[in-house]
Amino acid sequence: MGMMGKLKETQKKVEETKHRLNSVLIDEKSNDGLLKVTLTANREIKSITIDEQLLQEKEQLEDYLVLTLNKAIAKATAVNEAEIAAVAKDGIPNIPGMDGLFK
């Protein structure tokens, strides 16, 4: 298969991987378990569960949301990037100077 065919095949595999990552769920909880978020590896929020205690204090709830969502997004991003890089690395021809891009 020529380079263009290989690149098109790789692009198709990357798109399939992105689609599959919609079903990979990342769960994250606050340290005390009062807030839980679930999002996909494509960083789409699926659910947020808030304990009654947090509903009493708006500022505390906001802090919990920011911290917990940021942790979940970081985890989802790591999974996403690793999966996409693995697929892309397999399909990219060995071009000098490009080896460090897909680690």
N, C-alpha and C. Protein backbone atom coordinates (compact mmCIF):
# COMPACT_ATOMS: atom_id res chain seq x y z
N MET A 1 0.87 -1.18 0.00
CA MET A 1 0.00 0.00 0.00
C MET A 1 0.91 1.23 0.00
N GLY A 2 0.56 2.21 -0.82
CA GLY A 2 1.35 3.43 -0.90
C GLY A 2 1.16 4.30 0.34
N MET A 3 1.99 5.35 0.40
CA MET A 3 1.94 6.23 1.57
C MET A 3 0.58 6.90 1.71
N MET A 4 -0.02 7.33 0.61
CA MET A 4 -1.33 8.00 0.70
C MET A 4 -2.39 7.02 1.20
N GLY A 5 -2.34 5.80 0.73
CA GLY A 5 -3.29 4.79 1.19
C GLY A 5 -3.12 4.51 2.67
N LYS A 6 -1.87 4.43 3.10
CA LYS A 6 -1.57 4.18 4.51
C LYS A 6 -2.07 5.34 5.37
N LEU A 7 -1.86 6.58 4.90
CA LEU A 7 -2.33 7.75 5.64
C LEU A 7 -3.85 7.79 5.73
N LYS A 8 -4.54 7.43 4.63
CA LYS A 8 -6.01 7.41 4.65
C LYS A 8 -6.52 6.33 5.61
N GLU A 9 -5.85 5.19 5.60
CA GLU A 9 -6.23 4.11 6.51
C GLU A 9 -6.03 4.56 7.96
N THR A 10 -4.92 5.22 8.22
CA THR A 10 -4.64 5.71 9.57
C THR A 10 -5.68 6.74 9.98
N GLN A 11 -6.03 7.64 9.08
CA GLN A 11 -7.05 8.66 9.38
C GLN A 11 -8.37 7.99 9.73
N LYS A 12 -8.72 6.94 9.00
CA LYS A 12 -9.96 6.22 9.29
C LYS A 12 -9.89 5.57 10.68
N LYS A 13 -8.73 4.98 11.01
CA LYS A 13 -8.57 4.35 12.33
C LYS A 13 -8.64 5.39 13.45
N VAL A 14 -8.07 6.58 13.21
CA VAL A 14 -8.13 7.64 14.21
C VAL A 14 -9.59 8.05 14.44
N GLU A 15 -10.35 8.20 13.37
CA GLU A 15 -11.77 8.57 13.50
C GLU A 15 -12.55 7.48 14.23
N GLU A 16 -12.26 6.21 13.93
CA GLU A 16 -12.92 5.10 14.63
C GLU A 16 -12.57 5.12 16.12
N THR A 17 -11.32 5.42 16.43
CA THR A 17 -10.89 5.50 17.83
C THR A 17 -11.60 6.63 18.54
N LYS A 18 -11.70 7.80 17.89
CA LYS A 18 -12.42 8.93 18.49
C LYS A 18 -13.86 8.54 18.79
N HIS A 19 -14.50 7.84 17.86
CA HIS A 19 -15.88 7.40 18.06
C HIS A 19 -15.97 6.42 19.24
N ARG A 20 -15.02 5.48 19.31
CA ARG A 20 -15.01 4.50 20.40
C ARG A 20 -14.81 5.17 21.75
N LEU A 21 -14.02 6.24 21.79
CA LEU A 21 -13.75 6.93 23.04
C LEU A 21 -14.99 7.60 23.62
N ASN A 22 -16.05 7.73 22.82
CA ASN A 22 -17.32 8.24 23.35
C ASN A 22 -17.92 7.28 24.36
N SER A 23 -17.52 6.00 24.28
CA SER A 23 -18.09 5.01 25.21
C SER A 23 -17.14 4.68 26.37
N VAL A 24 -15.96 5.28 26.38
CA VAL A 24 -15.02 5.08 27.48
C VAL A 24 -15.33 6.13 28.55
N LEU A 25 -15.77 5.67 29.72
CA LEU A 25 -16.19 6.59 30.76
C LEU A 25 -15.11 6.76 31.83
N ILE A 26 -14.93 8.00 32.24
CA ILE A 26 -13.98 8.37 33.28
C ILE A 26 -14.80 8.87 34.47
N ASP A 27 -14.61 8.25 35.64
CA ASP A 27 -15.28 8.68 36.87
C ASP A 27 -14.26 9.39 37.75
N GLU A 28 -14.68 10.47 38.35
CA GLU A 28 -13.82 11.19 39.29
C GLU A 28 -14.68 11.65 40.45
N LYS A 29 -14.12 11.54 41.66
CA LYS A 29 -14.82 11.96 42.87
C LYS A 29 -13.99 13.01 43.59
N SER A 30 -14.67 13.86 44.35
CA SER A 30 -13.95 14.75 45.25
C SER A 30 -13.29 13.88 46.31
N ASN A 31 -12.32 14.43 47.01
CA ASN A 31 -11.58 13.65 48.02
C ASN A 31 -12.50 13.02 49.06
N ASP A 32 -13.56 13.72 49.44
CA ASP A 32 -14.48 13.20 50.46
C ASP A 32 -15.68 12.48 49.87
N GLY A 33 -15.74 12.37 48.55
CA GLY A 33 -16.82 11.64 47.89
C GLY A 33 -18.14 12.38 47.80
N LEU A 34 -18.17 13.66 48.12
CA LEU A 34 -19.43 14.40 48.09
C LEU A 34 -19.85 14.82 46.68
N LEU A 35 -18.91 14.78 45.76
CA LEU A 35 -19.20 15.16 44.37
C LEU A 35 -18.59 14.11 43.46
N LYS A 36 -19.37 13.66 42.48
CA LYS A 36 -18.87 12.69 41.51
C LYS A 36 -19.23 13.18 40.12
N VAL A 37 -18.25 13.10 39.20
CA VAL A 37 -18.52 13.44 37.81
C VAL A 37 -18.11 12.26 36.94
N THR A 38 -18.83 12.10 35.85
CA THR A 38 -18.51 11.08 34.86
C THR A 38 -18.47 11.78 33.50
N LEU A 39 -17.40 11.53 32.76
CA LEU A 39 -17.33 12.06 31.41
C LEU A 39 -16.69 11.03 30.50
N THR A 40 -16.83 11.25 29.20
CA THR A 40 -16.24 10.33 28.24
C THR A 40 -14.78 10.69 28.03
N ALA A 41 -14.04 9.77 27.42
CA ALA A 41 -12.64 10.05 27.10
C ALA A 41 -12.52 11.15 26.05
N ASN A 42 -13.63 11.51 25.43
CA ASN A 42 -13.67 12.66 24.51
C ASN A 42 -14.07 13.93 25.25
N ARG A 43 -14.09 13.87 26.58
CA ARG A 43 -14.30 15.01 27.46
C ARG A 43 -15.72 15.60 27.37
N GLU A 44 -16.69 14.74 27.20
CA GLU A 44 -18.09 15.15 27.25
C GLU A 44 -18.66 14.72 28.60
N ILE A 45 -19.20 15.68 29.36
CA ILE A 45 -19.75 15.38 30.67
C ILE A 45 -21.02 14.55 30.51
N LYS A 46 -21.08 13.44 31.23
CA LYS A 46 -22.24 12.56 31.17
C LYS A 46 -23.11 12.70 32.41
N SER A 47 -22.49 12.89 33.58
CA SER A 47 -23.30 13.04 34.79
C SER A 47 -22.50 13.75 35.87
N ILE A 48 -23.25 14.40 36.75
CA ILE A 48 -22.70 15.02 37.95
C ILE A 48 -23.62 14.65 39.09
N THR A 49 -23.05 14.09 40.16
CA THR A 49 -23.82 13.72 41.34
C THR A 49 -23.31 14.56 42.51
N ILE A 50 -24.24 15.27 43.15
CA ILE A 50 -23.88 16.19 44.22
C ILE A 50 -24.58 15.76 45.51
N ASP A 51 -23.80 15.56 46.55
CA ASP A 51 -24.35 15.23 47.86
C ASP A 51 -25.11 16.44 48.40
N GLU A 52 -26.18 16.17 49.15
CA GLU A 52 -27.01 17.23 49.73
C GLU A 52 -26.21 18.27 50.53
N GLN A 53 -25.16 17.82 51.23
CA GLN A 53 -24.35 18.72 52.04
C GLN A 53 -23.81 19.90 51.22
N LEU A 54 -23.43 19.61 49.99
CA LEU A 54 -22.82 20.65 49.15
C LEU A 54 -23.84 21.66 48.65
N LEU A 55 -25.11 21.32 48.70
CA LEU A 55 -26.14 22.24 48.20
C LEU A 55 -26.39 23.40 49.16
N GLN A 56 -25.85 23.29 50.35
CA GLN A 56 -26.05 24.35 51.35
C GLN A 56 -25.08 25.52 51.16
N GLU A 57 -23.95 25.26 50.53
CA GLU A 57 -22.89 26.27 50.44
C GLU A 57 -22.47 26.45 48.98
N LYS A 58 -22.97 27.48 48.34
CA LYS A 58 -22.73 27.73 46.92
C LYS A 58 -21.23 27.81 46.59
N GLU A 59 -20.47 28.57 47.36
CA GLU A 59 -19.05 28.75 47.08
C GLU A 59 -18.28 27.43 47.18
N GLN A 60 -18.61 26.64 48.19
CA GLN A 60 -17.95 25.35 48.36
C GLN A 60 -18.29 24.43 47.17
N LEU A 61 -19.53 24.43 46.76
CA LEU A 61 -19.96 23.61 45.62
C LEU A 61 -19.19 24.02 44.36
N GLU A 62 -19.09 25.31 44.14
CA GLU A 62 -18.36 25.79 42.97
C GLU A 62 -16.90 25.32 43.00
N ASP A 63 -16.27 25.40 44.16
CA ASP A 63 -14.88 24.94 44.30
C ASP A 63 -14.77 23.44 44.00
N TYR A 64 -15.69 22.67 44.56
CA TYR A 64 -15.70 21.23 44.31
C TYR A 64 -15.85 20.93 42.82
N LEU A 65 -16.77 21.63 42.18
CA LEU A 65 -16.99 21.41 40.75
C LEU A 65 -15.73 21.70 39.94
N VAL A 66 -15.11 22.83 40.20
CA VAL A 66 -13.91 23.20 39.45
C VAL A 66 -12.81 22.16 39.65
N LEU A 67 -12.52 21.83 40.90
CA LEU A 67 -11.44 20.88 41.19
C LEU A 67 -11.71 19.49 40.60
N THR A 68 -12.91 18.99 40.83
CA THR A 68 -13.23 17.63 40.40
C THR A 68 -13.33 17.54 38.88
N LEU A 69 -13.96 18.53 38.26
CA LEU A 69 -14.04 18.52 36.80
C LEU A 69 -12.66 18.63 36.17
N ASN A 70 -11.79 19.47 36.71
CA ASN A 70 -10.44 19.59 36.16
C ASN A 70 -9.67 18.28 36.27
N LYS A 71 -9.80 17.58 37.39
CA LYS A 71 -9.13 16.28 37.54
C LYS A 71 -9.69 15.27 36.53
N ALA A 72 -11.00 15.26 36.35
CA ALA A 72 -11.62 14.33 35.41
C ALA A 72 -11.21 14.65 33.98
N ILE A 73 -11.18 15.92 33.64
CA ILE A 73 -10.78 16.32 32.28
C ILE A 73 -9.33 15.95 32.02
N ALA A 74 -8.47 16.12 33.00
CA ALA A 74 -7.06 15.74 32.84
C ALA A 74 -6.92 14.23 32.59
N LYS A 75 -7.68 13.42 33.34
CA LYS A 75 -7.64 11.97 33.13
C LYS A 75 -8.17 11.61 31.74
N ALA A 76 -9.29 12.22 31.36
CA ALA A 76 -9.88 11.92 30.05
C ALA A 76 -8.94 12.34 28.93
N THR A 77 -8.28 13.47 29.09
CA THR A 77 -7.34 13.94 28.07
C THR A 77 -6.17 12.97 27.93
N ALA A 78 -5.66 12.48 29.04
CA ALA A 78 -4.55 11.52 28.99
C ALA A 78 -4.95 10.25 28.25
N VAL A 79 -6.14 9.73 28.54
CA VAL A 79 -6.63 8.52 27.86
C VAL A 79 -6.81 8.81 26.37
N ASN A 80 -7.45 9.93 26.06
CA ASN A 80 -7.71 10.32 24.68
C ASN A 80 -6.41 10.44 23.88
N GLU A 81 -5.47 11.18 24.41
CA GLU A 81 -4.22 11.41 23.69
C GLU A 81 -3.42 10.13 23.51
N ALA A 82 -3.41 9.27 24.52
CA ALA A 82 -2.68 8.01 24.42
C ALA A 82 -3.28 7.11 23.35
N GLU A 83 -4.60 7.03 23.32
CA GLU A 83 -5.28 6.18 22.33
C GLU A 83 -5.07 6.69 20.91
N ILE A 84 -5.25 7.99 20.71
CA ILE A 84 -5.08 8.57 19.38
C ILE A 84 -3.63 8.45 18.92
N ALA A 85 -2.68 8.73 19.82
CA ALA A 85 -1.26 8.64 19.47
C ALA A 85 -0.87 7.22 19.09
N ALA A 86 -1.42 6.23 19.79
CA ALA A 86 -1.10 4.83 19.49
C ALA A 86 -1.56 4.46 18.09
N VAL A 87 -2.76 4.88 17.73
CA VAL A 87 -3.29 4.58 16.40
C VAL A 87 -2.50 5.34 15.33
N ALA A 88 -2.24 6.61 15.59
CA ALA A 88 -1.52 7.43 14.61
C ALA A 88 -0.10 6.93 14.41
N LYS A 89 0.57 6.54 15.49
CA LYS A 89 1.96 6.09 15.39
C LYS A 89 2.07 4.84 14.53
N ASP A 90 1.11 3.94 14.67
CA ASP A 90 1.13 2.71 13.87
C ASP A 90 0.98 2.99 12.39
N GLY A 91 0.29 4.05 12.04
CA GLY A 91 0.00 4.30 10.64
C GLY A 91 0.87 5.32 9.95
N ILE A 92 1.71 6.01 10.70
CA ILE A 92 2.55 7.03 10.10
C ILE A 92 3.84 6.39 9.62
N PRO A 93 4.23 6.64 8.37
CA PRO A 93 5.50 6.08 7.90
C PRO A 93 6.67 6.62 8.72
N ASN A 94 7.74 5.88 8.76
CA ASN A 94 8.92 6.27 9.53
C ASN A 94 9.63 7.42 8.81
N ILE A 95 9.37 8.64 9.26
CA ILE A 95 9.96 9.83 8.66
C ILE A 95 11.01 10.37 9.63
N PRO A 96 12.24 10.54 9.18
CA PRO A 96 13.29 11.04 10.08
C PRO A 96 12.87 12.36 10.76
N GLY A 97 13.14 12.43 12.07
CA GLY A 97 12.82 13.63 12.82
C GLY A 97 11.42 13.66 13.37
N MET A 98 10.57 12.70 13.00
CA MET A 98 9.18 12.68 13.44
C MET A 98 8.96 11.69 14.58
N ASP A 99 9.98 10.92 14.97
CA ASP A 99 9.77 9.87 15.97
C ASP A 99 9.28 10.38 17.31
N GLY A 100 9.63 11.57 17.70
CA GLY A 100 9.25 12.08 19.02
C GLY A 100 7.84 12.59 19.11
N LEU A 101 7.12 12.69 18.00
CA LEU A 101 5.78 13.29 18.01
C LEU A 101 4.72 12.40 18.62
N PHE A 102 4.85 11.10 18.48
CA PHE A 102 3.77 10.20 18.90
C PHE A 102 4.23 9.26 19.99
N LYS A 103 4.63 9.80 21.12
CA LYS A 103 5.04 8.97 22.26
C LYS A 103 3.97 8.96 23.29
